[in-house]
Amino acid sequence: LYVGSDGGGTGRHGYLWEEVRAMHEMGMPAPDVVAAASWR
């Protein structure tokens, strides 16, 4: 799983962290989401 903001069109740029937070709020552990948004 990887993190995508969908920035452009109906999404906004510069708000990737909000997608990270939203994926965590859906149930993914925070360390897994950070990894998915970075080194993985």
Full PDB file with SEQRES, HELIX, SHEET, SSBOND, CRYST1, ORIGX, SCALE, CONECT and MASTER records, all heavy atoms in Angstrom:
SEQRES   1 A   40  LEU TYR VAL GLY SER ASP GLY GLY GLY THR GLY ARG HIS          
SEQRES   2 A   40  GLY TYR LEU TRP GLU GLU VAL ARG ALA MET HIS GLU MET          
SEQRES   3 A   40  GLY MET PRO ALA PRO ASP VAL VAL ALA ALA ALA SER TRP          
SEQRES   4 A   40  ARG                                                          
HELIX    1 AA1 LEU A   16  GLU A   25  1                                  10    
HELIX    2 AA2 ALA A   30  ALA A   36  1                                   7    
CRYST1    1.000    1.000    1.000  90.00  90.00  90.00 P 1           1          
ORIGX1      1.000000  0.000000  0.000000        0.00000                         
ORIGX2      0.000000  1.000000  0.000000        0.00000                         
ORIGX3      0.000000  0.000000  1.000000        0.00000                         
SCALE1      1.000000  0.000000  0.000000        0.00000                         
SCALE2      0.000000  1.000000  0.000000        0.00000                         
SCALE3      0.000000  0.000000  1.000000        0.00000                         
ATOM      1  N   LEU A   1       0.843  -1.189   0.000  1.00  0.00           N  
ATOM      2  CA  LEU A   1       0.000   0.000   0.000  1.00  0.00           C  
ATOM      3  C   LEU A   1       0.882   1.244   0.000  1.00  0.00           C  
ATOM      4  O   LEU A   1       1.878   1.310   0.740  1.00  0.00           O  
ATOM      5  CB  LEU A   1      -0.893   0.020   1.239  1.00  0.00           C  
ATOM      6  CG  LEU A   1      -2.017  -1.006   1.269  1.00  0.00           C  
ATOM      7  CD1 LEU A   1      -2.448  -1.289   2.699  1.00  0.00           C  
ATOM      8  CD2 LEU A   1      -3.200  -0.482   0.472  1.00  0.00           C  
ATOM      9  N   TYR A   2       0.488   2.230  -0.803  1.00  0.00           N  
ATOM     10  CA  TYR A   2       1.245   3.476  -0.868  1.00  0.00           C  
ATOM     11  C   TYR A   2       0.279   4.652  -0.730  1.00  0.00           C  
ATOM     12  O   TYR A   2      -0.936   4.495  -0.814  1.00  0.00           O  
ATOM     13  CB  TYR A   2       2.048   3.546  -2.166  1.00  0.00           C  
ATOM     14  CG  TYR A   2       3.015   2.382  -2.261  1.00  0.00           C  
ATOM     15  CD1 TYR A   2       2.792   1.338  -3.157  1.00  0.00           C  
ATOM     16  CD2 TYR A   2       4.110   2.293  -1.414  1.00  0.00           C  
ATOM     17  CE1 TYR A   2       3.649   0.251  -3.220  1.00  0.00           C  
ATOM     18  CE2 TYR A   2       4.969   1.207  -1.464  1.00  0.00           C  
ATOM     19  CZ  TYR A   2       4.737   0.187  -2.370  1.00  0.00           C  
ATOM     20  OH  TYR A   2       5.576  -0.887  -2.406  1.00  0.00           O  
ATOM     21  N   VAL A   3       0.839   5.828  -0.501  1.00  0.00           N  
ATOM     22  CA  VAL A   3       0.051   7.004  -0.128  1.00  0.00           C  
ATOM     23  C   VAL A   3      -0.019   7.963  -1.312  1.00  0.00           C  
ATOM     24  O   VAL A   3       1.015   8.379  -1.844  1.00  0.00           O  
ATOM     25  CB  VAL A   3       0.676   7.702   1.094  1.00  0.00           C  
ATOM     26  CG1 VAL A   3      -0.199   8.872   1.535  1.00  0.00           C  
ATOM     27  CG2 VAL A   3       0.865   6.712   2.241  1.00  0.00           C  
ATOM     28  N   GLY A   4      -1.229   8.320  -1.708  1.00  0.00           N  
ATOM     29  CA  GLY A   4      -1.411   9.242  -2.819  1.00  0.00           C  
ATOM     30  C   GLY A   4      -2.452  10.284  -2.504  1.00  0.00           C  
ATOM     31  O   GLY A   4      -3.554   9.964  -2.055  1.00  0.00           O  
ATOM     32  N   SER A   5      -2.132  11.540  -2.738  1.00  0.00           N  
ATOM     33  CA  SER A   5      -3.033  12.647  -2.391  1.00  0.00           C  
ATOM     34  C   SER A   5      -4.124  12.875  -3.431  1.00  0.00           C  
ATOM     35  O   SER A   5      -5.115  13.529  -3.139  1.00  0.00           O  
ATOM     36  CB  SER A   5      -2.229  13.937  -2.226  1.00  0.00           C  
ATOM     37  OG  SER A   5      -1.755  14.384  -3.492  1.00  0.00           O  
ATOM     38  N   ASP A   6      -3.909  12.384  -4.659  1.00  0.00           N  
ATOM     39  CA  ASP A   6      -4.776  12.707  -5.801  1.00  0.00           C  
ATOM     40  C   ASP A   6      -4.762  14.216  -6.067  1.00  0.00           C  
ATOM     41  O   ASP A   6      -5.730  14.779  -6.566  1.00  0.00           O  
ATOM     42  CB  ASP A   6      -6.210  12.219  -5.584  1.00  0.00           C  
ATOM     43  CG  ASP A   6      -6.875  11.780  -6.881  1.00  0.00           C  
ATOM     44  OD1 ASP A   6      -6.330  12.076  -7.960  1.00  0.00           O  
ATOM     45  OD2 ASP A   6      -7.939  11.138  -6.822  1.00  0.00           O  
ATOM     46  N   GLY A   7      -3.643  14.857  -5.732  1.00  0.00           N  
ATOM     47  CA  GLY A   7      -3.511  16.293  -5.963  1.00  0.00           C  
ATOM     48  C   GLY A   7      -3.615  16.637  -7.436  1.00  0.00           C  
ATOM     49  O   GLY A   7      -2.962  16.037  -8.279  1.00  0.00           O  
ATOM     50  N   GLY A   8      -4.442  17.636  -7.757  1.00  0.00           N  
ATOM     51  CA  GLY A   8      -4.733  18.002  -9.145  1.00  0.00           C  
ATOM     52  C   GLY A   8      -6.167  17.621  -9.454  1.00  0.00           C  
ATOM     53  O   GLY A   8      -6.678  16.607  -8.974  1.00  0.00           O  
ATOM     54  N   GLY A   9      -6.850  18.408 -10.246  1.00  0.00           N  
ATOM     55  CA  GLY A   9      -8.263  18.120 -10.480  1.00  0.00           C  
ATOM     56  C   GLY A   9      -9.051  18.387  -9.212  1.00  0.00           C  
ATOM     57  O   GLY A   9      -9.077  19.498  -8.701  1.00  0.00           O  
ATOM     58  N   THR A  10      -9.655  17.336  -8.646  1.00  0.00           N  
ATOM     59  CA  THR A  10     -10.485  17.525  -7.451  1.00  0.00           C  
ATOM     60  C   THR A  10      -9.677  17.511  -6.163  1.00  0.00           C  
ATOM     61  O   THR A  10     -10.214  17.784  -5.091  1.00  0.00           O  
ATOM     62  CB  THR A  10     -11.563  16.429  -7.368  1.00  0.00           C  
ATOM     63  OG1 THR A  10     -10.917  15.148  -7.329  1.00  0.00           O  
ATOM     64  CG2 THR A  10     -12.487  16.492  -8.568  1.00  0.00           C  
ATOM     65  N   GLY A  11      -8.391  17.177  -6.221  1.00  0.00           N  
ATOM     66  CA  GLY A  11      -7.543  17.154  -5.038  1.00  0.00           C  
ATOM     67  C   GLY A  11      -6.663  18.386  -4.963  1.00  0.00           C  
ATOM     68  O   GLY A  11      -6.625  19.217  -5.870  1.00  0.00           O  
ATOM     69  N   ARG A  12      -5.957  18.511  -3.831  1.00  0.00           N  
ATOM     70  CA  ARG A  12      -5.089  19.664  -3.609  1.00  0.00           C  
ATOM     71  C   ARG A  12      -3.645  19.209  -3.534  1.00  0.00           C  
ATOM     72  O   ARG A  12      -3.347  18.082  -3.154  1.00  0.00           O  
ATOM     73  CB  ARG A  12      -5.463  20.356  -2.298  1.00  0.00           C  
ATOM     74  CG  ARG A  12      -6.895  20.896  -2.253  1.00  0.00           C  
ATOM     75  CD  ARG A  12      -7.207  21.398  -0.857  1.00  0.00           C  
ATOM     76  NE  ARG A  12      -7.136  20.314   0.122  1.00  0.00           N  
ATOM     77  CZ  ARG A  12      -7.025  20.505   1.441  1.00  0.00           C  
ATOM     78  NH1 ARG A  12      -6.938  21.727   1.917  1.00  0.00           N  
ATOM     79  NH2 ARG A  12      -6.982  19.482   2.269  1.00  0.00           N  
ATOM     80  N   HIS A  13      -2.740  20.113  -3.861  1.00  0.00           N  
ATOM     81  CA  HIS A  13      -1.317  19.843  -3.727  1.00  0.00           C  
ATOM     82  C   HIS A  13      -0.823  20.354  -2.379  1.00  0.00           C  
ATOM     83  O   HIS A  13      -1.336  21.334  -1.844  1.00  0.00           O  
ATOM     84  CB  HIS A  13      -0.545  20.510  -4.866  1.00  0.00           C  
ATOM     85  CG  HIS A  13      -0.767  19.859  -6.192  1.00  0.00           C  
ATOM     86  ND1 HIS A  13       0.032  18.847  -6.663  1.00  0.00           N  
ATOM     87  CD2 HIS A  13      -1.725  20.060  -7.133  1.00  0.00           C  
ATOM     88  CE1 HIS A  13      -0.411  18.457  -7.851  1.00  0.00           C  
ATOM     89  NE2 HIS A  13      -1.469  19.178  -8.157  1.00  0.00           N  
ATOM     90  N   GLY A  14       0.189  19.687  -1.853  1.00  0.00           N  
ATOM     91  CA  GLY A  14       0.780  20.110  -0.600  1.00  0.00           C  
ATOM     92  C   GLY A  14       0.104  19.559   0.632  1.00  0.00           C  
ATOM     93  O   GLY A  14       0.360  20.045   1.745  1.00  0.00           O  
ATOM     94  N   TYR A  15      -0.720  18.535   0.474  1.00  0.00           N  
ATOM     95  CA  TYR A  15      -1.457  17.990   1.610  1.00  0.00           C  
ATOM     96  C   TYR A  15      -1.308  16.476   1.721  1.00  0.00           C  
ATOM     97  O   TYR A  15      -2.219  15.787   2.148  1.00  0.00           O  
ATOM     98  CB  TYR A  15      -2.941  18.371   1.519  1.00  0.00           C  
ATOM     99  CG  TYR A  15      -3.174  19.849   1.753  1.00  0.00           C  
ATOM    100  CD1 TYR A  15      -3.127  20.746   0.695  1.00  0.00           C  
ATOM    101  CD2 TYR A  15      -3.401  20.343   3.031  1.00  0.00           C  
ATOM    102  CE1 TYR A  15      -3.309  22.108   0.898  1.00  0.00           C  
ATOM    103  CE2 TYR A  15      -3.587  21.693   3.254  1.00  0.00           C  
ATOM    104  CZ  TYR A  15      -3.542  22.577   2.187  1.00  0.00           C  
ATOM    105  OH  TYR A  15      -3.728  23.917   2.405  1.00  0.00           O  
ATOM    106  N   LEU A  16      -0.141  15.976   1.346  1.00  0.00           N  
ATOM    107  CA  LEU A  16       0.067  14.539   1.451  1.00  0.00           C  
ATOM    108  C   LEU A  16      -0.106  14.051   2.881  1.00  0.00           C  
ATOM    109  O   LEU A  16      -0.614  12.956   3.116  1.00  0.00           O  
ATOM    110  CB  LEU A  16       1.465  14.172   0.939  1.00  0.00           C  
ATOM    111  CG  LEU A  16       1.774  12.673   0.897  1.00  0.00           C  
ATOM    112  CD1 LEU A  16       0.909  11.974  -0.134  1.00  0.00           C  
ATOM    113  CD2 LEU A  16       3.259  12.444   0.605  1.00  0.00           C  
ATOM    114  N   TRP A  17       0.287  14.875   3.847  1.00  0.00           N  
ATOM    115  CA  TRP A  17       0.192  14.446   5.245  1.00  0.00           C  
ATOM    116  C   TRP A  17      -1.258  14.169   5.638  1.00  0.00           C  
ATOM    117  O   TRP A  17      -1.516  13.305   6.489  1.00  0.00           O  
ATOM    118  CB  TRP A  17       0.811  15.491   6.168  1.00  0.00           C  
ATOM    119  CG  TRP A  17      -0.076  16.658   6.472  1.00  0.00           C  
ATOM    120  CD1 TRP A  17      -0.227  17.797   5.744  1.00  0.00           C  
ATOM    121  CD2 TRP A  17      -0.941  16.784   7.601  1.00  0.00           C  
ATOM    122  NE1 TRP A  17      -1.131  18.630   6.330  1.00  0.00           N  
ATOM    123  CE2 TRP A  17      -1.588  18.031   7.486  1.00  0.00           C  
ATOM    124  CE3 TRP A  17      -1.235  15.977   8.698  1.00  0.00           C  
ATOM    125  CZ2 TRP A  17      -2.510  18.488   8.419  1.00  0.00           C  
ATOM    126  CZ3 TRP A  17      -2.163  16.424   9.637  1.00  0.00           C  
ATOM    127  CH2 TRP A  17      -2.784  17.672   9.494  1.00  0.00           C  
ATOM    128  N   GLU A  18      -2.212  14.864   5.036  1.00  0.00           N  
ATOM    129  CA  GLU A  18      -3.621  14.605   5.351  1.00  0.00           C  
ATOM    130  C   GLU A  18      -4.038  13.216   4.879  1.00  0.00           C  
ATOM    131  O   GLU A  18      -4.842  12.548   5.530  1.00  0.00           O  
ATOM    132  CB  GLU A  18      -4.506  15.678   4.731  1.00  0.00           C  
ATOM    133  CG  GLU A  18      -4.359  17.039   5.375  1.00  0.00           C  
ATOM    134  CD  GLU A  18      -5.395  18.028   4.888  1.00  0.00           C  
ATOM    135  OE1 GLU A  18      -6.233  17.663   4.020  1.00  0.00           O  
ATOM    136  OE2 GLU A  18      -5.386  19.180   5.356  1.00  0.00           O  
ATOM    137  N   GLU A  19      -3.497  12.769   3.738  1.00  0.00           N  
ATOM    138  CA  GLU A  19      -3.781  11.411   3.278  1.00  0.00           C  
ATOM    139  C   GLU A  19      -3.130  10.389   4.213  1.00  0.00           C  
ATOM    140  O   GLU A  19      -3.729   9.348   4.507  1.00  0.00           O  
ATOM    141  CB  GLU A  19      -3.268  11.221   1.847  1.00  0.00           C  
ATOM    142  CG  GLU A  19      -3.499   9.835   1.272  1.00  0.00           C  
ATOM    143  CD  GLU A  19      -4.959   9.504   0.994  1.00  0.00           C  
ATOM    144  OE1 GLU A  19      -5.804  10.435   0.951  1.00  0.00           O  
ATOM    145  OE2 GLU A  19      -5.262   8.307   0.807  1.00  0.00           O  
ATOM    146  N   VAL A  20      -1.927  10.673   4.687  1.00  0.00           N  
ATOM    147  CA  VAL A  20      -1.279   9.811   5.684  1.00  0.00           C  
ATOM    148  C   VAL A  20      -2.180   9.674   6.909  1.00  0.00           C  
ATOM    149  O   VAL A  20      -2.447   8.564   7.399  1.00  0.00           O  
ATOM    150  CB  VAL A  20       0.095  10.385   6.074  1.00  0.00           C  
ATOM    151  CG1 VAL A  20       0.677   9.637   7.270  1.00  0.00           C  
ATOM    152  CG2 VAL A  20       1.063  10.331   4.894  1.00  0.00           C  
ATOM    153  N   ARG A  21      -2.653  10.791   7.413  1.00  0.00           N  
ATOM    154  CA  ARG A  21      -3.520  10.777   8.587  1.00  0.00           C  
ATOM    155  C   ARG A  21      -4.817  10.021   8.308  1.00  0.00           C  
ATOM    156  O   ARG A  21      -5.290   9.233   9.151  1.00  0.00           O  
ATOM    157  CB  ARG A  21      -3.836  12.217   9.011  1.00  0.00           C  
ATOM    158  CG  ARG A  21      -4.734  12.327  10.236  1.00  0.00           C  
ATOM    159  CD  ARG A  21      -5.027  13.769  10.568  1.00  0.00           C  
ATOM    160  NE  ARG A  21      -5.724  14.447   9.488  1.00  0.00           N  
ATOM    161  CZ  ARG A  21      -5.990  15.753   9.476  1.00  0.00           C  
ATOM    162  NH1 ARG A  21      -5.563  16.526  10.469  1.00  0.00           N  
ATOM    163  NH2 ARG A  21      -6.636  16.312   8.472  1.00  0.00           N  
ATOM    164  N   ALA A  22      -5.389  10.244   7.134  1.00  0.00           N  
ATOM    165  CA  ALA A  22      -6.654   9.582   6.798  1.00  0.00           C  
ATOM    166  C   ALA A  22      -6.496   8.068   6.711  1.00  0.00           C  
ATOM    167  O   ALA A  22      -7.377   7.315   7.146  1.00  0.00           O  
ATOM    168  CB  ALA A  22      -7.196  10.137   5.486  1.00  0.00           C  
ATOM    169  N   MET A  23      -5.378   7.604   6.147  1.00  0.00           N  
ATOM    170  CA  MET A  23      -5.146   6.163   6.083  1.00  0.00           C  
ATOM    171  C   MET A  23      -4.988   5.578   7.483  1.00  0.00           C  
ATOM    172  O   MET A  23      -5.467   4.472   7.773  1.00  0.00           O  
ATOM    173  CB  MET A  23      -3.925   5.862   5.221  1.00  0.00           C  
ATOM    174  CG  MET A  23      -4.174   6.109   3.733  1.00  0.00           C  
ATOM    175  SD  MET A  23      -2.712   5.880   2.684  1.00  0.00           S  
ATOM    176  CE  MET A  23      -2.445   4.110   2.823  1.00  0.00           C  
ATOM    177  N   HIS A  24      -4.341   6.318   8.371  1.00  0.00           N  
ATOM    178  CA  HIS A  24      -4.221   5.874   9.767  1.00  0.00           C  
ATOM    179  C   HIS A  24      -5.594   5.822  10.425  1.00  0.00           C  
ATOM    180  O   HIS A  24      -5.923   4.855  11.145  1.00  0.00           O  
ATOM    181  CB  HIS A  24      -3.294   6.814  10.519  1.00  0.00           C  
ATOM    182  CG  HIS A  24      -3.220   6.542  11.990  1.00  0.00           C  
ATOM    183  ND1 HIS A  24      -2.873   5.311  12.504  1.00  0.00           N  
ATOM    184  CD2 HIS A  24      -3.461   7.346  13.063  1.00  0.00           C  
ATOM    185  CE1 HIS A  24      -2.891   5.361  13.829  1.00  0.00           C  
ATOM    186  NE2 HIS A  24      -3.252   6.584  14.181  1.00  0.00           N  
ATOM    187  N   GLU A  25      -6.410   6.825  10.191  1.00  0.00           N  
ATOM    188  CA  GLU A  25      -7.742   6.851  10.785  1.00  0.00           C  
ATOM    189  C   GLU A  25      -8.633   5.718  10.274  1.00  0.00           C  
ATOM    190  O   GLU A  25      -9.571   5.304  10.952  1.00  0.00           O  
ATOM    191  CB  GLU A  25      -8.405   8.203  10.522  1.00  0.00           C  
ATOM    192  CG  GLU A  25      -7.756   9.345  11.307  1.00  0.00           C  
ATOM    193  CD  GLU A  25      -8.289  10.710  10.930  1.00  0.00           C  
ATOM    194  OE1 GLU A  25      -9.001  10.807   9.896  1.00  0.00           O  
ATOM    195  OE2 GLU A  25      -7.982  11.678  11.655  1.00  0.00           O  
ATOM    196  N   MET A  26      -8.310   5.192   9.084  1.00  0.00           N  
ATOM    197  CA  MET A  26      -9.044   4.048   8.554  1.00  0.00           C  
ATOM    198  C   MET A  26      -8.610   2.741   9.216  1.00  0.00           C  
ATOM    199  O   MET A  26      -9.274   1.715   9.049  1.00  0.00           O  
ATOM    200  CB  MET A  26      -8.828   3.944   7.045  1.00  0.00           C  
ATOM    201  CG  MET A  26      -9.427   5.079   6.253  1.00  0.00           C  
ATOM    202  SD  MET A  26     -11.194   4.877   5.972  1.00  0.00           S  
ATOM    203  CE  MET A  26     -11.156   3.795   4.551  1.00  0.00           C  
ATOM    204  N   GLY A  27      -7.486   2.763   9.924  1.00  0.00           N  
ATOM    205  CA  GLY A  27      -7.073   1.575  10.640  1.00  0.00           C  
ATOM    206  C   GLY A  27      -5.631   1.151  10.469  1.00  0.00           C  
ATOM    207  O   GLY A  27      -5.148   0.274  11.194  1.00  0.00           O  
ATOM    208  N   MET A  28      -4.905   1.723   9.526  1.00  0.00           N  
ATOM    209  CA  MET A  28      -3.514   1.342   9.339  1.00  0.00           C  
ATOM    210  C   MET A  28      -2.651   1.899  10.466  1.00  0.00           C  
ATOM    211  O   MET A  28      -2.762   3.076  10.803  1.00  0.00           O  
ATOM    212  CB  MET A  28      -2.986   1.846   7.994  1.00  0.00           C  
ATOM    213  CG  MET A  28      -3.408   1.010   6.813  1.00  0.00           C  
ATOM    214  SD  MET A  28      -2.554   1.521   5.288  1.00  0.00           S  
ATOM    215  CE  MET A  28      -0.840   1.111   5.679  1.00  0.00           C  
ATOM    216  N   PRO A  29      -1.780   1.080  11.051  1.00  0.00           N  
ATOM    217  CA  PRO A  29      -0.894   1.584  12.095  1.00  0.00           C  
ATOM    218  C   PRO A  29      -0.025   2.732  11.575  1.00  0.00           C  
ATOM    219  O   PRO A  29       0.443   2.709  10.434  1.00  0.00           O  
ATOM    220  CB  PRO A  29      -0.038   0.359  12.449  1.00  0.00           C  
ATOM    221  CG  PRO A  29      -0.866  -0.816  12.023  1.00  0.00           C  
ATOM    222  CD  PRO A  29      -1.614  -0.364  10.808  1.00  0.00           C  
ATOM    223  N   ALA A  30       0.193   3.720  12.425  1.00  0.00           N  
ATOM    224  CA  ALA A  30       0.953   4.899  12.006  1.00  0.00           C  
ATOM    225  C   ALA A  30       2.338   4.551  11.458  1.00  0.00           C  
ATOM    226  O   ALA A  30       2.739   5.104  10.426  1.00  0.00           O  
ATOM    227  CB  ALA A  30       1.056   5.885  13.170  1.00  0.00           C  
ATOM    228  N   PRO A  31       3.107   3.654  12.084  1.00  0.00           N  
ATOM    229  CA  PRO A  31       4.422   3.344  11.506  1.00  0.00           C  
ATOM    230  C   PRO A  31       4.335   2.772  10.094  1.00  0.00           C  
ATOM    231  O   PRO A  31       5.201   3.044   9.251  1.00  0.00           O  
ATOM    232  CB  PRO A  31       4.999   2.311  12.488  1.00  0.00           C  
ATOM    233  CG  PRO A  31       4.314   2.598  13.782  1.00  0.00           C  
ATOM    234  CD  PRO A  31       2.916   2.987  13.391  1.00  0.00           C  
ATOM    235  N   ASP A  32       3.291   1.982   9.817  1.00  0.00           N  
ATOM    236  CA  ASP A  32       3.131   1.413   8.480  1.00  0.00           C  
ATOM    237  C   ASP A  32       2.825   2.495   7.453  1.00  0.00           C  
ATOM    238  O   ASP A  32       3.309   2.446   6.316  1.00  0.00           O  
ATOM    239  CB  ASP A  32       2.010   0.371   8.475  1.00  0.00           C  
ATOM    240  CG  ASP A  32       2.374  -0.894   9.224  1.00  0.00           C  
ATOM    241  OD1 ASP A  32       3.554  -1.056   9.580  1.00  0.00           O  
ATOM    242  OD2 ASP A  32       1.475  -1.718   9.460  1.00  0.00           O  
ATOM    243  N   VAL A  33       2.010   3.479   7.843  1.00  0.00           N  
ATOM    244  CA  VAL A  33       1.664   4.535   6.888  1.00  0.00           C  
ATOM    245  C   VAL A  33       2.872   5.429   6.620  1.00  0.00           C  
ATOM    246  O   VAL A  33       3.108   5.841   5.489  1.00  0.00           O  
ATOM    247  CB  VAL A  33       0.470   5.372   7.384  1.00  0.00           C  
ATOM    248  CG1 VAL A  33       0.008   6.319   6.289  1.00  0.00           C  
ATOM    249  CG2 VAL A  33      -0.688   4.499   7.803  1.00  0.00           C  
ATOM    250  N   VAL A  34       3.644   5.729   7.656  1.00  0.00           N  
ATOM    251  CA  VAL A  34       4.854   6.534   7.454  1.00  0.00           C  
ATOM    252  C   VAL A  34       5.806   5.823   6.501  1.00  0.00           C  
ATOM    253  O   VAL A  34       6.349   6.427   5.565  1.00  0.00           O  
ATOM    254  CB  VAL A  34       5.538   6.836   8.799  1.00  0.00           C  
ATOM    255  CG1 VAL A  34       6.885   7.511   8.571  1.00  0.00           C  
ATOM    256  CG2 VAL A  34       4.649   7.733   9.664  1.00  0.00           C  
ATOM    257  N   ALA A  35       5.991   4.532   6.714  1.00  0.00           N  
ATOM    258  CA  ALA A  35       6.861   3.763   5.816  1.00  0.00           C  
ATOM    259  C   ALA A  35       6.326   3.779   4.390  1.00  0.00           C  
ATOM    260  O   ALA A  35       7.080   3.929   3.425  1.00  0.00           O  
ATOM    261  CB  ALA A  35       6.989   2.328   6.323  1.00  0.00           C  
ATOM    262  N   ALA A  36       4.989   3.628   4.253  1.00  0.00           N  
ATOM    263  CA  ALA A  36       4.364   3.605   2.931  1.00  0.00           C  
ATOM    264  C   ALA A  36       4.507   4.930   2.214  1.00  0.00           C  
ATOM    265  O   ALA A  36       4.526   4.980   0.975  1.00  0.00           O  
ATOM    266  CB  ALA A  36       2.890   3.233   3.052  1.00  0.00           C  
ATOM    267  N   ALA A  37       4.612   6.016   2.977  1.00  0.00           N  
ATOM    268  CA  ALA A  37       4.740   7.354   2.394  1.00  0.00           C  
ATOM    269  C   ALA A  37       6.183   7.764   2.191  1.00  0.00           C  
ATOM    270  O   ALA A  37       6.449   8.842   1.648  1.00  0.00           O  
ATOM    271  CB  ALA A  37       4.066   8.382   3.295  1.00  0.00           C  
ATOM    272  N   SER A  38       7.124   6.906   2.596  1.00  0.00           N  
ATOM    273  CA  SER A  38       8.526   7.298   2.535  1.00  0.00           C  
ATOM    274  C   SER A  38       9.373   6.184   1.936  1.00  0.00           C  
ATOM    275  O   SER A  38       9.336   5.937   0.732  1.00  0.00           O  
ATOM    276  CB  SER A  38       9.004   7.690   3.943  1.00  0.00           C  
ATOM    277  OG  SER A  38      10.364   8.042   3.952  1.00  0.00           O  
ATOM    278  N   TRP A  39      10.133   5.484   2.762  1.00  0.00           N  
ATOM    279  CA  TRP A  39      11.178   4.600   2.234  1.00  0.00           C  
ATOM    280  C   TRP A  39      10.627   3.426   1.440  1.00  0.00           C  
ATOM    281  O   TRP A  39      11.236   3.023   0.449  1.00  0.00           O  
ATOM    282  CB  TRP A  39      12.107   4.129   3.347  1.00  0.00           C  
ATOM    283  CG  TRP A  39      11.451   3.459   4.519  1.00  0.00           C  
ATOM    284  CD1 TRP A  39      11.184   2.129   4.676  1.00  0.00           C  
ATOM    285  CD2 TRP A  39      11.005   4.102   5.722  1.00  0.00           C  
ATOM    286  NE1 TRP A  39      10.589   1.898   5.896  1.00  0.00           N  
ATOM    287  CE2 TRP A  39      10.479   3.089   6.563  1.00  0.00           C  
ATOM    288  CE3 TRP A  39      11.011   5.423   6.179  1.00  0.00           C  
ATOM    289  CZ2 TRP A  39       9.956   3.368   7.826  1.00  0.00           C  
ATOM    290  CZ3 TRP A  39      10.483   5.699   7.433  1.00  0.00           C  
ATOM    291  CH2 TRP A  39       9.966   4.688   8.239  1.00  0.00           C  
ATOM    292  N   ARG A  40       9.466   2.887   1.815  1.00  0.00           N  
ATOM    293  CA  ARG A  40       8.939   1.757   1.037  1.00  0.00           C  
ATOM    294  C   ARG A  40       8.479   2.204  -0.346  1.00  0.00           C  
ATOM    295  O   ARG A  40       8.682   1.495  -1.337  1.00  0.00           O  
ATOM    296  CB  ARG A  40       7.800   1.080   1.796  1.00  0.00           C  
ATOM    297  CG  ARG A  40       8.284   0.299   3.002  1.00  0.00           C  
ATOM    298  CD  ARG A  40       7.183  -0.414   3.732  1.00  0.00           C  
ATOM    299  NE  ARG A  40       7.682  -0.987   4.974  1.00  0.00           N  
ATOM    300  CZ  ARG A  40       6.924  -1.375   5.982  1.00  0.00           C  
ATOM    301  NH1 ARG A  40       5.594  -1.272   5.899  1.00  0.00           N  
ATOM    302  NH2 ARG A  40       7.453  -1.886   7.083  1.00  0.00           N  
TER     303      ARG A  40                                                      
MASTER        0    0    0    2    0    0    0    6  302    1    0    4          
END                                                                             
